[in-house]
Each structure stands twice: as structure tokens, then as C-alpha cells.
């Protein structure tokens, strides 16, 4: 059945998400955020501190750290910046190596297929009972099961790993893009 109707089912799921699920979730998030006075986000100032590590000085060389807003004095030594640079230059900074040496063997060991993860059984089962009446529903549920993720071995650039944030000394940027690298 899935093979016959796969294209139509994918289109239907996309429409359901765009027209129903996204507005429902956005409304629920806005309501949850605005209905409570005790919800707040901590605001941290980006300044040198005795309790927070300045990742710019930890993971970058002296010149790079200074250009990024760090002290540039290597207060934590240079071992981690050297190790990060070496690992990124030789292994982790190369998406082809990550795909070939990391992602493909791991996915093959998990699912038997390189670049694919198959999760049988139920992954999530969510029942929403609060506030669904206002959308004309008696109840709402979401179940995810028997999921298959293909082409995980297509990590491409830009690839960021432990990249210090220029505006916040205690934050790291990490990013990986799937579906764009060579297969």
C-alpha cells in the first residue's frame, strides 16, 4: 500500500503539518508562554567571569581569540585549541571523512544499511487533551512509529564543531547539514 500511495501520502502529511499541526503548535506555544508569569529566560552578559569559560580563548589560537573578542592571552593553555585544530583539519572538518569513517559504519551497525537508520516500534505517542476543543476537536494525538531515515551519510559543508560564538563567550556553535554532501 505504501509503495502505491507513497507520493500522495507524503503530500497529505505535508499539508496536514502546514495547515493544521503547525498553527496548532504555534498557538499552544504562544498560549503557554503568555499565560504564565513565572516563565522567563535568564539573560547572561558576555563578560569575563571566574565561573564561565571563555570558549574563544579555550578553542582558538591567541590571534583568532583576540579577533573574536576573547582575551587572546591563552589563559587555559593551548592544548585544547591545538587538539581541536588538529582534529578538525585531519578528521572532523572534512565531511567526506565523517560520512565514510563515522556515519556509514555507525548506521550500518544500527540498521544493517549504510546511511540509513530504521527505528521499529513506537518512537513517540503524545496525547493532547488541554485546549483542543477551541479547534473543534475532542482529542488530539500524535504517534510516530516504524520510522526510516535515509541519506544520513550525506553530511555536507558548512560543518561547525565546537566553534566559539563571537558575541557570547560561553556559547559554542555546532551545525551539520544533511542531504547535501557527496554520497
N, C-alpha and C. Protein backbone atom coordinates (compact mmCIF):
# COMPACT_ATOMS: atom_id res chain seq x y z
N UNK A 1 0.83 -1.19 0.00
CA UNK A 1 0.00 0.00 0.00
C UNK A 1 0.88 1.25 0.00
N UNK A 2 1.90 1.26 0.83
CA UNK A 2 2.76 2.44 0.93
C UNK A 2 3.46 2.72 -0.39
N UNK A 3 3.94 1.66 -1.05
CA UNK A 3 4.63 1.85 -2.32
C UNK A 3 3.69 2.47 -3.36
N UNK A 4 2.46 2.07 -3.37
CA UNK A 4 1.49 2.57 -4.34
C UNK A 4 1.10 4.02 -4.07
N UNK A 5 0.90 4.35 -2.81
CA UNK A 5 0.38 5.67 -2.45
C UNK A 5 1.41 6.57 -1.75
N UNK A 6 2.69 6.22 -1.83
CA UNK A 6 3.73 6.96 -1.11
C UNK A 6 3.71 8.45 -1.44
N UNK A 7 3.67 8.80 -2.70
CA UNK A 7 3.71 10.21 -3.09
C UNK A 7 2.51 10.98 -2.54
N UNK A 8 1.33 10.41 -2.65
CA UNK A 8 0.11 11.07 -2.15
C UNK A 8 0.14 11.18 -0.63
N UNK A 9 0.66 10.14 0.03
CA UNK A 9 0.73 10.17 1.49
C UNK A 9 1.70 11.24 1.97
N UNK A 10 2.82 11.37 1.30
CA UNK A 10 3.79 12.41 1.67
C UNK A 10 3.18 13.79 1.48
N UNK A 11 2.47 14.00 0.37
CA UNK A 11 1.80 15.28 0.13
C UNK A 11 0.75 15.56 1.20
N UNK A 12 -0.01 14.53 1.56
CA UNK A 12 -1.06 14.71 2.57
C UNK A 12 -0.47 15.05 3.93
N UNK A 13 0.60 14.38 4.31
CA UNK A 13 1.24 14.67 5.59
C UNK A 13 1.78 16.10 5.60
N UNK A 14 2.39 16.52 4.50
CA UNK A 14 2.91 17.90 4.41
C UNK A 14 1.78 18.91 4.57
N UNK A 15 0.65 18.67 3.93
CA UNK A 15 -0.50 19.58 4.05
C UNK A 15 -1.05 19.60 5.47
N UNK A 16 -1.15 18.44 6.08
CA UNK A 16 -1.65 18.37 7.46
C UNK A 16 -0.73 19.15 8.39
N UNK A 17 0.57 18.99 8.21
CA UNK A 17 1.52 19.71 9.06
C UNK A 17 1.41 21.20 8.83
N UNK A 18 1.39 21.63 7.56
CA UNK A 18 1.34 23.06 7.26
C UNK A 18 0.03 23.71 7.67
N UNK A 19 -1.10 23.05 7.40
CA UNK A 19 -2.39 23.67 7.62
C UNK A 19 -2.99 23.45 9.00
N UNK A 20 -2.61 22.38 9.67
CA UNK A 20 -3.24 22.05 10.94
C UNK A 20 -2.25 22.00 12.09
N UNK A 21 -1.24 21.17 11.98
CA UNK A 21 -0.34 20.93 13.11
C UNK A 21 0.48 22.16 13.46
N UNK A 22 1.07 22.82 12.46
CA UNK A 22 1.91 24.00 12.73
C UNK A 22 1.11 25.11 13.42
N UNK A 23 -0.07 25.51 12.91
CA UNK A 23 -0.84 26.54 13.62
C UNK A 23 -1.25 26.11 15.03
N UNK A 24 -1.59 24.84 15.18
CA UNK A 24 -1.98 24.32 16.49
C UNK A 24 -0.82 24.42 17.48
N UNK A 25 0.36 23.96 17.07
CA UNK A 25 1.52 24.02 17.95
C UNK A 25 1.95 25.46 18.22
N UNK A 26 1.95 26.30 17.20
CA UNK A 26 2.31 27.71 17.41
C UNK A 26 1.36 28.37 18.40
N UNK A 27 0.07 28.11 18.25
CA UNK A 27 -0.90 28.67 19.18
C UNK A 27 -0.70 28.16 20.59
N UNK A 28 -0.43 26.87 20.72
CA UNK A 28 -0.21 26.30 22.06
C UNK A 28 1.04 26.87 22.70
N UNK A 29 2.10 27.06 21.92
CA UNK A 29 3.34 27.62 22.47
C UNK A 29 3.12 29.07 22.89
N UNK A 30 2.44 29.84 22.06
CA UNK A 30 2.18 31.25 22.41
C UNK A 30 1.32 31.32 23.66
N UNK A 31 0.27 30.48 23.72
CA UNK A 31 -0.59 30.47 24.91
C UNK A 31 0.18 30.07 26.15
N UNK A 32 0.99 29.05 26.04
CA UNK A 32 1.76 28.58 27.20
C UNK A 32 2.74 29.64 27.66
N UNK A 33 3.30 30.37 26.73
CA UNK A 33 4.30 31.39 27.06
C UNK A 33 3.65 32.63 27.67
N UNK A 34 2.50 33.03 27.14
CA UNK A 34 1.88 34.27 27.59
C UNK A 34 0.95 34.09 28.79
N UNK A 35 0.49 32.87 29.03
CA UNK A 35 -0.42 32.65 30.15
C UNK A 35 0.27 32.51 31.49
N UNK A 36 1.59 32.42 31.49
CA UNK A 36 2.31 32.20 32.74
C UNK A 36 3.24 33.37 33.02
N UNK A 37 3.16 33.89 34.24
CA UNK A 37 4.03 34.98 34.64
C UNK A 37 5.38 34.49 35.14
N UNK A 38 5.48 33.21 35.48
CA UNK A 38 6.71 32.70 36.07
C UNK A 38 7.70 32.16 35.03
N UNK A 39 7.37 32.30 33.74
CA UNK A 39 8.24 31.81 32.69
C UNK A 39 9.14 32.95 32.23
N UNK A 40 10.42 32.73 32.32
CA UNK A 40 11.37 33.74 31.86
C UNK A 40 12.66 33.07 31.44
N UNK A 41 13.41 33.76 30.64
CA UNK A 41 14.71 33.26 30.21
C UNK A 41 15.79 34.05 30.93
N UNK A 42 16.79 33.33 31.41
CA UNK A 42 17.91 34.01 32.02
C UNK A 42 18.69 34.76 30.95
N UNK A 43 19.09 35.97 31.27
CA UNK A 43 19.89 36.77 30.36
C UNK A 43 21.28 36.88 30.96
N UNK A 44 22.26 36.44 30.18
CA UNK A 44 23.64 36.48 30.63
C UNK A 44 24.38 37.55 29.86
N UNK A 45 25.20 38.28 30.55
CA UNK A 45 26.04 39.24 29.88
C UNK A 45 27.33 38.55 29.46
N UNK A 46 27.79 38.90 28.28
CA UNK A 46 29.02 38.30 27.77
C UNK A 46 30.20 39.11 28.30
N UNK A 47 30.68 38.71 29.45
CA UNK A 47 31.85 39.37 30.01
C UNK A 47 32.69 38.31 30.72
N UNK A 48 33.95 38.61 30.90
CA UNK A 48 34.83 37.66 31.56
C UNK A 48 34.32 37.35 32.96
N UNK A 49 34.43 36.12 33.34
CA UNK A 49 33.89 35.67 34.61
C UNK A 49 34.80 34.60 35.19
N UNK A 50 34.78 34.49 36.50
CA UNK A 50 35.54 33.44 37.15
C UNK A 50 34.84 32.09 37.04
N UNK A 51 33.53 32.09 36.77
CA UNK A 51 32.77 30.84 36.75
C UNK A 51 32.48 30.33 35.34
N UNK A 52 32.56 31.18 34.33
CA UNK A 52 32.27 30.76 32.96
C UNK A 52 33.56 30.73 32.14
N UNK A 53 33.70 29.70 31.35
CA UNK A 53 34.87 29.58 30.49
C UNK A 53 34.62 30.38 29.22
N UNK A 54 35.61 31.15 28.81
CA UNK A 54 35.54 31.87 27.54
C UNK A 54 36.02 30.90 26.46
N UNK A 55 35.06 30.33 25.72
CA UNK A 55 35.40 29.33 24.72
C UNK A 55 36.28 29.88 23.60
N UNK A 56 36.23 31.19 23.39
CA UNK A 56 37.09 31.77 22.37
C UNK A 56 38.56 31.57 22.75
N UNK A 57 38.88 31.77 24.03
CA UNK A 57 40.25 31.56 24.49
C UNK A 57 40.59 30.08 24.65
N UNK A 58 39.58 29.24 24.89
CA UNK A 58 39.81 27.82 25.09
C UNK A 58 40.08 27.09 23.78
N UNK A 59 39.30 27.40 22.72
CA UNK A 59 39.38 26.63 21.48
C UNK A 59 40.05 27.33 20.31
N UNK A 60 40.41 28.59 20.45
CA UNK A 60 41.05 29.31 19.36
C UNK A 60 42.48 29.68 19.73
N UNK A 61 43.31 29.86 18.72
CA UNK A 61 44.66 30.35 18.96
C UNK A 61 44.61 31.79 19.46
N UNK A 62 45.72 32.31 19.91
CA UNK A 62 45.75 33.63 20.54
C UNK A 62 45.23 34.73 19.61
N UNK A 63 45.70 34.76 18.37
CA UNK A 63 45.26 35.81 17.43
C UNK A 63 43.78 35.69 17.10
N UNK A 64 43.34 34.46 16.80
CA UNK A 64 41.93 34.23 16.48
C UNK A 64 41.04 34.59 17.66
N UNK A 65 41.46 34.21 18.87
CA UNK A 65 40.67 34.51 20.07
C UNK A 65 40.52 36.01 20.26
N UNK A 66 41.60 36.73 20.07
CA UNK A 66 41.56 38.19 20.23
C UNK A 66 40.64 38.81 19.18
N UNK A 67 40.74 38.36 17.93
CA UNK A 67 39.87 38.87 16.87
C UNK A 67 38.40 38.57 17.13
N UNK A 68 38.14 37.44 17.79
CA UNK A 68 36.76 37.03 18.09
C UNK A 68 36.21 37.68 19.35
N UNK A 69 37.05 38.46 20.06
CA UNK A 69 36.58 39.14 21.27
C UNK A 69 37.07 38.54 22.56
N UNK A 70 37.89 37.49 22.49
CA UNK A 70 38.47 36.91 23.69
C UNK A 70 39.67 37.72 24.16
N UNK A 71 40.32 37.26 25.21
CA UNK A 71 41.48 38.00 25.74
C UNK A 71 42.70 37.80 24.85
N UNK A 72 42.81 36.64 24.21
CA UNK A 72 43.96 36.36 23.37
C UNK A 72 45.20 36.04 24.16
N UNK A 73 45.06 35.79 25.46
CA UNK A 73 46.21 35.51 26.34
C UNK A 73 46.39 34.03 26.64
N UNK A 74 45.61 33.16 26.04
CA UNK A 74 45.65 31.72 26.29
C UNK A 74 45.59 31.40 27.79
N UNK A 75 44.57 31.89 28.50
CA UNK A 75 44.51 31.65 29.94
C UNK A 75 44.32 30.18 30.31
N UNK A 76 43.87 29.35 29.36
CA UNK A 76 43.65 27.93 29.63
C UNK A 76 44.73 27.06 29.01
N UNK A 77 45.76 27.68 28.48
CA UNK A 77 46.80 26.94 27.79
C UNK A 77 46.41 26.75 26.34
N UNK A 78 47.24 26.03 25.58
CA UNK A 78 46.96 25.87 24.16
C UNK A 78 46.69 24.42 23.75
N UNK A 79 46.61 23.51 24.69
CA UNK A 79 46.41 22.10 24.36
C UNK A 79 45.08 21.86 23.66
N UNK A 80 43.97 22.40 24.20
CA UNK A 80 42.66 22.16 23.59
C UNK A 80 42.52 22.86 22.25
N UNK A 81 43.07 24.05 22.10
CA UNK A 81 43.00 24.72 20.81
C UNK A 81 43.81 23.95 19.77
N UNK A 82 44.97 23.42 20.18
CA UNK A 82 45.78 22.61 19.27
C UNK A 82 45.05 21.32 18.89
N UNK A 83 44.48 20.64 19.89
CA UNK A 83 43.78 19.38 19.64
C UNK A 83 42.57 19.60 18.74
N UNK A 84 41.80 20.65 19.00
CA UNK A 84 40.63 20.94 18.17
C UNK A 84 41.06 21.22 16.73
N UNK A 85 42.06 22.04 16.56
CA UNK A 85 42.54 22.37 15.21
C UNK A 85 43.02 21.10 14.50
N UNK A 86 43.78 20.27 15.19
CA UNK A 86 44.28 19.03 14.59
C UNK A 86 43.13 18.12 14.18
N UNK A 87 42.17 17.89 15.09
CA UNK A 87 41.04 17.01 14.78
C UNK A 87 40.19 17.54 13.63
N UNK A 88 39.95 18.85 13.63
CA UNK A 88 39.15 19.43 12.56
C UNK A 88 39.89 19.36 11.22
N UNK A 89 41.17 19.69 11.24
CA UNK A 89 41.94 19.68 10.00
C UNK A 89 42.09 18.28 9.43
N UNK A 90 42.29 17.30 10.30
CA UNK A 90 42.57 15.95 9.83
C UNK A 90 41.34 15.06 9.67
N UNK A 91 40.32 15.27 10.51
CA UNK A 91 39.20 14.33 10.51
C UNK A 91 37.84 15.02 10.47
N UNK A 92 37.49 15.71 11.54
CA UNK A 92 36.12 16.19 11.71
C UNK A 92 35.74 17.34 10.80
N UNK A 93 36.70 18.09 10.30
CA UNK A 93 36.38 19.21 9.42
C UNK A 93 36.13 18.79 7.99
N UNK A 94 36.27 17.52 7.70
CA UNK A 94 36.11 17.01 6.35
C UNK A 94 34.85 16.15 6.30
N UNK A 95 33.82 16.65 5.66
CA UNK A 95 32.54 15.94 5.66
C UNK A 95 32.64 14.58 4.96
N UNK A 96 33.53 14.45 3.98
CA UNK A 96 33.69 13.15 3.30
C UNK A 96 34.21 12.10 4.28
N UNK A 97 35.17 12.48 5.11
CA UNK A 97 35.71 11.55 6.10
C UNK A 97 34.65 11.21 7.15
N UNK A 98 33.89 12.20 7.57
CA UNK A 98 32.83 11.95 8.56
C UNK A 98 31.82 10.96 8.01
N UNK A 99 31.42 11.16 6.76
CA UNK A 99 30.45 10.25 6.14
C UNK A 99 31.02 8.84 6.03
N UNK A 100 32.25 8.73 5.54
CA UNK A 100 32.85 7.43 5.26
C UNK A 100 33.29 6.69 6.52
N UNK A 101 33.91 7.38 7.44
CA UNK A 101 34.52 6.73 8.60
C UNK A 101 33.65 6.72 9.85
N UNK A 102 32.65 7.58 9.91
CA UNK A 102 31.84 7.65 11.12
C UNK A 102 30.38 7.29 10.85
N UNK A 103 29.73 8.06 9.99
CA UNK A 103 28.29 7.89 9.81
C UNK A 103 27.94 6.55 9.18
N UNK A 104 28.62 6.16 8.11
CA UNK A 104 28.27 4.90 7.44
C UNK A 104 28.47 3.68 8.32
N UNK A 105 29.62 3.55 9.01
CA UNK A 105 29.76 2.37 9.89
C UNK A 105 28.75 2.35 11.05
N UNK A 106 28.47 3.52 11.63
CA UNK A 106 27.52 3.56 12.75
C UNK A 106 26.12 3.20 12.27
N UNK A 107 25.69 3.79 11.15
CA UNK A 107 24.35 3.46 10.66
C UNK A 107 24.25 2.01 10.21
N UNK A 108 25.31 1.47 9.63
CA UNK A 108 25.28 0.06 9.22
C UNK A 108 25.17 -0.85 10.44
N UNK A 109 25.87 -0.49 11.53
CA UNK A 109 25.78 -1.32 12.73
C UNK A 109 24.40 -1.23 13.38
N UNK A 110 23.71 -0.11 13.20
CA UNK A 110 22.39 0.05 13.80
C UNK A 110 21.27 -0.58 12.97
N UNK A 111 21.37 -0.44 11.64
CA UNK A 111 20.26 -0.87 10.80
C UNK A 111 20.63 -1.91 9.75
N UNK A 112 21.92 -2.16 9.58
CA UNK A 112 22.35 -3.08 8.54
C UNK A 112 22.49 -2.42 7.18
N UNK A 113 22.17 -1.13 7.08
CA UNK A 113 22.25 -0.40 5.81
C UNK A 113 23.07 0.86 6.03
N UNK A 114 24.11 1.05 5.22
CA UNK A 114 24.91 2.26 5.35
C UNK A 114 24.06 3.49 5.04
N UNK A 115 24.16 4.50 5.91
CA UNK A 115 23.46 5.76 5.67
C UNK A 115 21.99 5.76 6.02
N UNK A 116 21.51 4.69 6.62
CA UNK A 116 20.09 4.57 6.95
C UNK A 116 19.92 4.12 8.39
N UNK A 117 18.94 4.74 9.06
CA UNK A 117 18.56 4.28 10.39
C UNK A 117 17.09 3.90 10.33
N UNK A 118 16.79 2.72 10.79
CA UNK A 118 15.42 2.23 10.85
C UNK A 118 15.06 2.06 12.32
N UNK A 119 14.02 2.74 12.72
CA UNK A 119 13.55 2.65 14.10
C UNK A 119 12.20 1.95 14.10
N UNK A 120 12.21 0.68 14.44
CA UNK A 120 10.94 -0.03 14.51
C UNK A 120 10.34 0.21 15.88
N UNK A 121 9.11 -0.12 16.01
CA UNK A 121 8.34 0.11 17.23
C UNK A 121 7.92 1.58 17.32
N UNK A 122 7.27 1.90 18.40
CA UNK A 122 6.76 3.24 18.60
C UNK A 122 7.86 4.14 19.14
N UNK A 123 8.05 5.29 18.52
CA UNK A 123 9.06 6.25 18.94
C UNK A 123 8.45 7.28 19.88
N UNK A 124 7.25 7.74 19.54
CA UNK A 124 6.58 8.75 20.37
C UNK A 124 5.08 8.53 20.31
N UNK A 125 4.43 8.82 21.42
CA UNK A 125 2.98 8.76 21.49
C UNK A 125 2.54 9.91 22.39
N UNK A 126 1.97 10.93 21.77
CA UNK A 126 1.62 12.14 22.51
C UNK A 126 0.11 12.33 22.42
N UNK A 127 -0.53 12.45 23.57
CA UNK A 127 -1.95 12.76 23.63
C UNK A 127 -2.11 14.17 24.17
N UNK A 128 -2.77 15.03 23.40
CA UNK A 128 -3.02 16.41 23.81
C UNK A 128 -4.47 16.49 24.23
N UNK A 129 -4.71 16.85 25.48
CA UNK A 129 -6.09 16.93 25.95
C UNK A 129 -6.48 18.35 26.34
N UNK A 130 -5.52 19.20 26.61
CA UNK A 130 -5.82 20.57 27.02
C UNK A 130 -6.09 21.45 25.81
N UNK A 131 -7.17 22.19 25.85
CA UNK A 131 -7.42 23.27 24.90
C UNK A 131 -7.65 22.85 23.45
N UNK A 132 -7.93 21.59 23.16
CA UNK A 132 -8.15 21.21 21.76
C UNK A 132 -9.59 21.49 21.31
N UNK A 133 -10.49 21.71 22.27
CA UNK A 133 -11.88 21.99 21.91
C UNK A 133 -12.00 23.27 21.10
N UNK A 134 -11.16 24.24 21.38
CA UNK A 134 -11.26 25.53 20.66
C UNK A 134 -10.90 25.37 19.18
N UNK A 135 -10.30 24.26 18.81
CA UNK A 135 -10.00 23.98 17.41
C UNK A 135 -11.04 23.03 16.80
N UNK A 136 -12.11 22.77 17.55
CA UNK A 136 -13.17 21.90 17.06
C UNK A 136 -12.85 20.43 17.19
N UNK A 137 -11.95 20.09 18.10
CA UNK A 137 -11.54 18.70 18.28
C UNK A 137 -11.91 18.23 19.67
N UNK A 138 -12.24 16.94 19.79
CA UNK A 138 -12.47 16.36 21.10
C UNK A 138 -11.16 15.95 21.74
N UNK A 139 -10.30 15.40 20.93
CA UNK A 139 -8.98 15.00 21.42
C UNK A 139 -8.01 15.01 20.24
N UNK A 140 -6.74 15.03 20.58
CA UNK A 140 -5.71 15.08 19.55
C UNK A 140 -4.56 14.19 20.00
N UNK A 141 -4.08 13.38 19.09
CA UNK A 141 -2.96 12.51 19.41
C UNK A 141 -1.99 12.44 18.26
N UNK A 142 -0.77 12.15 18.59
CA UNK A 142 0.27 12.00 17.58
C UNK A 142 1.10 10.78 17.95
N UNK A 143 1.22 9.87 17.00
CA UNK A 143 2.05 8.69 17.20
C UNK A 143 3.06 8.62 16.07
N UNK A 144 4.28 8.29 16.43
CA UNK A 144 5.33 8.10 15.43
C UNK A 144 5.88 6.70 15.64
N UNK A 145 5.88 5.93 14.56
CA UNK A 145 6.38 4.56 14.68
C UNK A 145 6.93 4.10 13.34
N UNK A 146 7.76 3.08 13.39
CA UNK A 146 8.38 2.50 12.20
C UNK A 146 8.98 3.56 11.29
N UNK A 147 9.85 4.40 11.85
CA UNK A 147 10.47 5.48 11.09
C UNK A 147 11.74 4.99 10.39
N UNK A 148 11.97 5.53 9.22
CA UNK A 148 13.17 5.21 8.46
C UNK A 148 13.79 6.53 7.98
N UNK A 149 15.07 6.70 8.28
CA UNK A 149 15.79 7.91 7.90
C UNK A 149 16.88 7.50 6.91
N UNK A 150 16.76 7.96 5.68
CA UNK A 150 17.73 7.64 4.63
C UNK A 150 18.67 8.81 4.40
N UNK A 151 19.79 8.51 3.75
CA UNK A 151 20.78 9.51 3.34
C UNK A 151 21.37 10.30 4.51
N UNK A 152 21.52 9.65 5.64
CA UNK A 152 22.16 10.30 6.78
C UNK A 152 23.66 10.47 6.50
N UNK A 153 24.16 9.68 5.57
CA UNK A 153 25.59 9.77 5.24
C UNK A 153 25.87 10.80 4.15
N UNK A 154 25.12 11.90 4.20
CA UNK A 154 25.32 12.99 3.26
C UNK A 154 25.59 14.29 4.00
N UNK A 155 26.45 14.22 5.02
CA UNK A 155 26.83 15.42 5.75
C UNK A 155 27.63 16.30 4.81
N UNK A 156 27.30 17.57 4.76
CA UNK A 156 27.99 18.49 3.87
C UNK A 156 28.43 19.75 4.59
N UNK A 157 29.02 20.63 3.85
CA UNK A 157 29.50 21.89 4.40
C UNK A 157 28.41 22.94 4.28
N UNK A 158 28.34 23.90 5.18
CA UNK A 158 29.28 24.15 6.27
C UNK A 158 29.05 23.19 7.45
N UNK A 159 30.14 22.81 8.05
CA UNK A 159 30.14 21.91 9.19
C UNK A 159 30.86 22.62 10.32
N UNK A 160 30.15 22.92 11.39
CA UNK A 160 30.75 23.61 12.53
C UNK A 160 30.76 22.68 13.74
N UNK A 161 31.92 22.54 14.35
CA UNK A 161 32.04 21.72 15.55
C UNK A 161 32.85 22.50 16.57
N UNK A 162 32.25 22.72 17.74
CA UNK A 162 32.88 23.46 18.84
C UNK A 162 33.42 24.81 18.37
N UNK A 163 32.61 25.53 17.62
CA UNK A 163 33.00 26.83 17.09
C UNK A 163 32.57 27.92 18.08
N UNK A 164 33.52 28.63 18.69
CA UNK A 164 33.15 29.67 19.65
C UNK A 164 32.29 30.76 19.01
N UNK A 165 31.36 31.26 19.78
CA UNK A 165 30.46 32.32 19.34
C UNK A 165 31.14 33.67 19.57
N UNK A 166 31.16 34.51 18.56
CA UNK A 166 31.86 35.80 18.67
C UNK A 166 31.19 36.79 19.61
N UNK A 167 29.90 36.66 19.84
CA UNK A 167 29.20 37.63 20.67
C UNK A 167 28.96 37.15 22.10
N UNK A 168 29.02 35.84 22.34
CA UNK A 168 28.81 35.30 23.67
C UNK A 168 29.94 34.33 23.99
N UNK A 169 30.76 34.71 24.91
CA UNK A 169 31.98 33.96 25.21
C UNK A 169 31.73 32.55 25.72
N UNK A 170 30.55 32.28 26.24
CA UNK A 170 30.26 30.99 26.86
C UNK A 170 29.38 30.10 25.99
N UNK A 171 29.18 30.49 24.74
CA UNK A 171 28.37 29.69 23.83
C UNK A 171 29.24 29.10 22.73
N UNK A 172 28.86 27.90 22.27
CA UNK A 172 29.53 27.25 21.15
C UNK A 172 28.52 27.03 20.03
N UNK A 173 28.96 27.22 18.81
CA UNK A 173 28.12 26.95 17.65
C UNK A 173 28.49 25.58 17.09
N UNK A 174 27.48 24.77 16.88
CA UNK A 174 27.65 23.46 16.25
C UNK A 174 26.58 23.33 15.19
N UNK A 175 26.95 22.92 13.99
CA UNK A 175 25.98 22.78 12.92
C UNK A 175 26.44 21.70 11.95
N UNK A 176 25.51 20.92 11.48
CA UNK A 176 25.78 19.93 10.44
C UNK A 176 24.58 19.95 9.50
N UNK A 177 24.87 19.88 8.23
CA UNK A 177 23.81 19.86 7.23
C UNK A 177 23.81 18.49 6.58
N UNK A 178 22.63 17.87 6.54
CA UNK A 178 22.49 16.55 5.93
C UNK A 178 21.78 16.70 4.60
N UNK A 179 22.11 15.82 3.68
CA UNK A 179 21.44 15.80 2.40
C UNK A 179 22.12 16.64 1.33
N UNK A 180 23.29 17.16 1.62
CA UNK A 180 23.98 18.00 0.64
C UNK A 180 25.36 17.50 0.27
N UNK A 181 25.91 16.62 1.07
CA UNK A 181 27.26 16.13 0.81
C UNK A 181 27.27 15.06 -0.26
N UNK A 182 28.46 14.72 -0.73
CA UNK A 182 28.55 13.65 -1.73
C UNK A 182 28.16 12.32 -1.14
N UNK A 183 27.50 11.49 -1.90
CA UNK A 183 27.06 10.17 -1.42
C UNK A 183 28.05 9.13 -1.86
